[in-house]
């Protein structure tokens, strides 16, 4: 998380950071998701950010992110932004694929609109995804999860 915060403070994309550090974009993505990084990767990143290696080395687990200057609110905000990005990527994929299928349908068989069925099926999935990201329906949201965890642990709210 500290890597992501530093990267965003510098205004760099993951690709730019990868180019500057000599690390693959995939490795940077893994590190930003909280997976452990090799010493060589951390040394390269510390050199790019011009910080002491020990600051990045101590960040290997999620428990130390709060001590590195990243608040719980920032972590939640970053998670929400990731959810939004995944939803908008899903929406874009839907529009491109269904649009292409629609054109294909109109060119090959304009008298039979079969494109409606994949559009409806995928559309339902997209709506469910939107409801989870934007908390449209209270079912299966954060509050529901919290209640279920407390119930499973035998504690009442």
C-alpha atoms as a PDB file:
ATOM      1  CA  UNK A   1       0.000   0.000   0.000  1.00  0.00           C
ATOM      2  CA  UNK A   2       2.889   2.372   0.696  1.00  0.00           C
ATOM      3  CA  UNK A   3       4.192   1.700  -2.813  1.00  0.00           C
ATOM      4  CA  UNK A   4       0.834   2.658  -4.287  1.00  0.00           C
ATOM      5  CA  UNK A   5       0.612   5.787  -2.148  1.00  0.00           C
ATOM      6  CA  UNK A   6       4.124   6.883  -3.146  1.00  0.00           C
ATOM      7  CA  UNK A   7       3.412   6.132  -6.807  1.00  0.00           C
ATOM      8  CA  UNK A   8       0.212   8.178  -6.747  1.00  0.00           C
ATOM      9  CA  UNK A   9       1.939  11.040  -4.937  1.00  0.00           C
ATOM     10  CA  UNK A  10       4.472  11.182  -7.763  1.00  0.00           C
ATOM     11  CA  UNK A  11       1.664  11.007 -10.328  1.00  0.00           C
ATOM     12  CA  UNK A  12       3.076   7.899 -11.968  1.00  0.00           C
ATOM     13  CA  UNK A  13       1.185   5.055 -13.566  1.00  0.00           C
ATOM     14  CA  UNK A  14       2.150   1.474 -12.786  1.00  0.00           C
ATOM     15  CA  UNK A  15       3.788   1.297 -16.224  1.00  0.00           C
ATOM     16  CA  UNK A  16       5.877   4.402 -15.542  1.00  0.00           C
ATOM     17  CA  UNK A  17       7.004   3.012 -12.185  1.00  0.00           C
ATOM     18  CA  UNK A  18       7.879  -0.277 -13.864  1.00  0.00           C
ATOM     19  CA  UNK A  19       9.971   1.537 -16.474  1.00  0.00           C
ATOM     20  CA  UNK A  20      11.780   3.604 -13.848  1.00  0.00           C
ATOM     21  CA  UNK A  21      12.483   0.698 -11.501  1.00  0.00           C
ATOM     22  CA  UNK A  22      13.176  -2.073 -13.996  1.00  0.00           C
ATOM     23  CA  UNK A  23      10.453  -4.219 -12.420  1.00  0.00           C
ATOM     24  CA  UNK A  24       7.569  -5.693 -14.388  1.00  0.00           C
ATOM     25  CA  UNK A  25       4.142  -4.092 -14.164  1.00  0.00           C
ATOM     26  CA  UNK A  26       2.760  -7.395 -12.921  1.00  0.00           C
ATOM     27  CA  UNK A  27       5.199  -7.398  -9.999  1.00  0.00           C
ATOM     28  CA  UNK A  28       4.214  -3.844  -9.082  1.00  0.00           C
ATOM     29  CA  UNK A  29       0.543  -4.844  -9.197  1.00  0.00           C
ATOM     30  CA  UNK A  30       1.246  -7.775  -6.868  1.00  0.00           C
ATOM     31  CA  UNK A  31       3.182  -5.609  -4.431  1.00  0.00           C
ATOM     32  CA  UNK A  32       0.416  -2.993  -4.390  1.00  0.00           C
ATOM     33  CA  UNK A  33      -2.125  -5.716  -3.608  1.00  0.00           C
ATOM     34  CA  UNK A  34      -0.116  -6.617  -0.526  1.00  0.00           C
ATOM     35  CA  UNK A  35       1.805  -9.673  -1.711  1.00  0.00           C
ATOM     36  CA  UNK A  36       5.370 -10.008  -0.534  1.00  0.00           C
ATOM     37  CA  UNK A  37       8.145  -8.616  -2.682  1.00  0.00           C
ATOM     38  CA  UNK A  38      11.706  -9.756  -3.149  1.00  0.00           C
ATOM     39  CA  UNK A  39      14.536  -7.791  -1.597  1.00  0.00           C
ATOM     40  CA  UNK A  40      15.778  -6.828  -5.077  1.00  0.00           C
ATOM     41  CA  UNK A  41      12.379  -5.424  -6.039  1.00  0.00           C
ATOM     42  CA  UNK A  42      12.131  -3.433  -2.825  1.00  0.00           C
ATOM     43  CA  UNK A  43      15.651  -2.056  -3.303  1.00  0.00           C
ATOM     44  CA  UNK A  44      14.786  -0.941  -6.832  1.00  0.00           C
ATOM     45  CA  UNK A  45      11.599   0.743  -5.649  1.00  0.00           C
ATOM     46  CA  UNK A  46      13.373   2.425  -2.738  1.00  0.00           C
ATOM     47  CA  UNK A  47      15.954   3.818  -5.162  1.00  0.00           C
ATOM     48  CA  UNK A  48      13.245   5.168  -7.474  1.00  0.00           C
ATOM     49  CA  UNK A  49      11.322   6.809  -4.631  1.00  0.00           C
ATOM     50  CA  UNK A  50      14.589   7.983  -3.025  1.00  0.00           C
ATOM     51  CA  UNK A  51      13.686   6.581   0.363  1.00  0.00           C
ATOM     52  CA  UNK A  52      15.447   4.231   2.743  1.00  0.00           C
ATOM     53  CA  UNK A  53      15.093   0.548   1.902  1.00  0.00           C
ATOM     54  CA  UNK A  54      14.094  -0.230   5.490  1.00  0.00           C
ATOM     55  CA  UNK A  55      10.893   1.784   5.089  1.00  0.00           C
ATOM     56  CA  UNK A  56       9.745  -0.484   2.252  1.00  0.00           C
ATOM     57  CA  UNK A  57      11.129  -3.636   3.840  1.00  0.00           C
ATOM     58  CA  UNK A  58       9.086  -3.113   7.004  1.00  0.00           C
ATOM     59  CA  UNK A  59       5.939  -2.762   4.907  1.00  0.00           C
ATOM     60  CA  UNK A  60       5.891  -6.428   3.910  1.00  0.00           C
ATOM     61  CA  UNK A  61       2.634  -7.138   5.761  1.00  0.00           C
ATOM     62  CA  UNK A  62      -0.679  -5.352   5.899  1.00  0.00           C
ATOM     63  CA  UNK A  63      -0.323  -4.857   9.669  1.00  0.00           C
ATOM     64  CA  UNK A  64       2.409  -2.293   9.203  1.00  0.00           C
ATOM     65  CA  UNK A  65       0.550  -0.174   6.652  1.00  0.00           C
ATOM     66  CA  UNK A  66      -1.092   1.880   9.358  1.00  0.00           C
ATOM     67  CA  UNK A  67       2.305   2.637  10.876  1.00  0.00           C
ATOM     68  CA  UNK A  68       3.581   3.719   7.454  1.00  0.00           C
ATOM     69  CA  UNK A  69       1.200   6.671   7.312  1.00  0.00           C
ATOM     70  CA  UNK A  70      -1.708   5.016   5.542  1.00  0.00           C
ATOM     71  CA  UNK A  71      -4.902   5.355   7.478  1.00  0.00           C
ATOM     72  CA  UNK A  72      -7.733   2.871   7.556  1.00  0.00           C
ATOM     73  CA  UNK A  73      -9.861   5.370   5.638  1.00  0.00           C
ATOM     74  CA  UNK A  74      -7.246   5.547   2.879  1.00  0.00           C
ATOM     75  CA  UNK A  75      -7.146   1.766   2.645  1.00  0.00           C
ATOM     76  CA  UNK A  76     -10.944   1.631   2.372  1.00  0.00           C
ATOM     77  CA  UNK A  77     -10.921   4.427  -0.212  1.00  0.00           C
ATOM     78  CA  UNK A  78      -8.315   2.599  -2.296  1.00  0.00           C
ATOM     79  CA  UNK A  79     -10.365  -0.595  -2.142  1.00  0.00           C
ATOM     80  CA  UNK A  80     -13.485   1.277  -3.247  1.00  0.00           C
ATOM     81  CA  UNK A  81     -11.606   2.852  -6.156  1.00  0.00           C
ATOM     82  CA  UNK A  82     -10.415  -0.613  -7.203  1.00  0.00           C
ATOM     83  CA  UNK A  83     -14.005  -1.856  -7.128  1.00  0.00           C
ATOM     84  CA  UNK A  84     -15.097   1.106  -9.237  1.00  0.00           C
ATOM     85  CA  UNK A  85     -12.316   0.473 -11.755  1.00  0.00           C
ATOM     86  CA  UNK A  86     -13.306  -3.183 -12.058  1.00  0.00           C
ATOM     87  CA  UNK A  87     -16.961  -2.205 -12.552  1.00  0.00           C
ATOM     88  CA  UNK A  88     -16.191   0.374 -15.239  1.00  0.00           C
ATOM     89  CA  UNK A  89     -13.930  -2.136 -16.988  1.00  0.00           C
ATOM     90  CA  UNK A  90     -16.799  -4.646 -16.866  1.00  0.00           C
ATOM     91  CA  UNK A  91     -19.192  -2.022 -18.268  1.00  0.00           C
ATOM     92  CA  UNK A  92     -16.814  -1.129 -21.093  1.00  0.00           C
ATOM     93  CA  UNK A  93     -16.366  -4.802 -21.989  1.00  0.00           C
ATOM     94  CA  UNK A  94     -20.147  -5.219 -22.033  1.00  0.00           C
ATOM     95  CA  UNK A  95     -20.641  -2.238 -24.335  1.00  0.00           C
ATOM     96  CA  UNK A  96     -17.910  -3.272 -26.754  1.00  0.00           C
ATOM     97  CA  UNK A  97     -18.866  -6.946 -26.984  1.00  0.00           C
ATOM     98  CA  UNK A  98     -22.632  -6.426 -27.113  1.00  0.00           C
ATOM     99  CA  UNK A  99     -22.147  -3.591 -29.621  1.00  0.00           C
ATOM    100  CA  UNK A 100     -20.028  -5.853 -31.841  1.00  0.00           C
ATOM    101  CA  UNK A 101     -22.545  -8.679 -31.510  1.00  0.00           C
ATOM    102  CA  UNK A 102     -25.344  -6.237 -32.349  1.00  0.00           C
ATOM    103  CA  UNK A 103     -23.596  -5.136 -35.527  1.00  0.00           C
ATOM    104  CA  UNK A 104     -22.875  -8.764 -36.429  1.00  0.00           C
ATOM    105  CA  UNK A 105     -26.510  -9.652 -35.795  1.00  0.00           C
ATOM    106  CA  UNK A 106     -27.829  -6.808 -37.956  1.00  0.00           C
ATOM    107  CA  UNK A 107     -25.443  -7.612 -40.809  1.00  0.00           C
ATOM    108  CA  UNK A 108     -25.974 -11.380 -40.915  1.00  0.00           C
ATOM    109  CA  UNK A 109     -29.531 -11.976 -39.707  1.00  0.00           C
ATOM    110  CA  UNK A 110     -31.436  -8.683 -39.425  1.00  0.00           C
ATOM    111  CA  UNK A 111     -34.810 -10.456 -39.327  1.00  0.00           C
ATOM    112  CA  UNK A 112     -33.871 -12.409 -36.160  1.00  0.00           C
ATOM    113  CA  UNK A 113     -32.533 -10.351 -33.232  1.00  0.00           C
ATOM    114  CA  UNK A 114     -30.661 -13.003 -31.247  1.00  0.00           C
ATOM    115  CA  UNK A 115     -28.344 -10.361 -29.720  1.00  0.00           C
ATOM    116  CA  UNK A 116     -31.053  -9.564 -27.179  1.00  0.00           C
ATOM    117  CA  UNK A 117     -30.383 -12.792 -25.252  1.00  0.00           C
ATOM    118  CA  UNK A 118     -26.676 -12.316 -24.529  1.00  0.00           C
ATOM    119  CA  UNK A 119     -27.334  -8.629 -23.837  1.00  0.00           C
ATOM    120  CA  UNK A 120     -30.002  -9.508 -21.269  1.00  0.00           C
ATOM    121  CA  UNK A 121     -27.980 -12.284 -19.626  1.00  0.00           C
ATOM    122  CA  UNK A 122     -24.801 -10.268 -19.338  1.00  0.00           C
ATOM    123  CA  UNK A 123     -26.836  -7.172 -18.438  1.00  0.00           C
ATOM    124  CA  UNK A 124     -28.256  -8.923 -15.385  1.00  0.00           C
ATOM    125  CA  UNK A 125     -24.731  -9.780 -14.282  1.00  0.00           C
ATOM    126  CA  UNK A 126     -23.682  -6.180 -14.851  1.00  0.00           C
ATOM    127  CA  UNK A 127     -26.590  -4.924 -12.757  1.00  0.00           C
ATOM    128  CA  UNK A 128     -25.646  -7.269  -9.921  1.00  0.00           C
ATOM    129  CA  UNK A 129     -22.063  -6.029 -10.147  1.00  0.00           C
ATOM    130  CA  UNK A 130     -23.284  -2.404 -10.054  1.00  0.00           C
ATOM    131  CA  UNK A 131     -25.487  -3.078  -7.050  1.00  0.00           C
ATOM    132  CA  UNK A 132     -22.543  -4.490  -5.113  1.00  0.00           C
ATOM    133  CA  UNK A 133     -20.221  -1.605  -6.015  1.00  0.00           C
ATOM    134  CA  UNK A 134     -22.695   1.214  -5.445  1.00  0.00           C
ATOM    135  CA  UNK A 135     -24.572  -0.434  -2.527  1.00  0.00           C
ATOM    136  CA  UNK A 136     -27.892  -0.175  -4.352  1.00  0.00           C
ATOM    137  CA  UNK A 137     -29.355  -3.186  -2.606  1.00  0.00           C
ATOM    138  CA  UNK A 138     -28.703  -3.671   1.109  1.00  0.00           C
ATOM    139  CA  UNK A 139     -28.420  -7.438   0.659  1.00  0.00           C
ATOM    140  CA  UNK A 140     -24.908  -8.839   0.840  1.00  0.00           C
ATOM    141  CA  UNK A 141     -23.380  -5.416   1.591  1.00  0.00           C
ATOM    142  CA  UNK A 142     -20.830  -4.489   4.224  1.00  0.00           C
ATOM    143  CA  UNK A 143     -23.416  -4.374   7.010  1.00  0.00           C
ATOM    144  CA  UNK A 144     -24.762  -7.787   6.052  1.00  0.00           C
ATOM    145  CA  UNK A 145     -21.225  -9.223   6.058  1.00  0.00           C
ATOM    146  CA  UNK A 146     -20.542  -7.719   9.466  1.00  0.00           C
ATOM    147  CA  UNK A 147     -23.738  -9.200  10.900  1.00  0.00           C
ATOM    148  CA  UNK A 148     -22.923 -12.618   9.453  1.00  0.00           C
ATOM    149  CA  UNK A 149     -19.406 -12.568  10.916  1.00  0.00           C
ATOM    150  CA  UNK A 150     -20.736 -11.556  14.330  1.00  0.00           C
ATOM    151  CA  UNK A 151     -23.396 -14.264  14.081  1.00  0.00           C
ATOM    152  CA  UNK A 152     -20.790 -16.884  13.139  1.00  0.00           C
ATOM    153  CA  UNK A 153     -18.591 -15.827  16.062  1.00  0.00           C
ATOM    154  CA  UNK A 154     -21.522 -16.073  18.451  1.00  0.00           C
ATOM    155  CA  UNK A 155     -21.588 -12.385  19.248  1.00  0.00           C
ATOM    156  CA  UNK A 156     -24.636 -10.220  18.900  1.00  0.00           C
ATOM    157  CA  UNK A 157     -24.579  -6.654  17.638  1.00  0.00           C
END
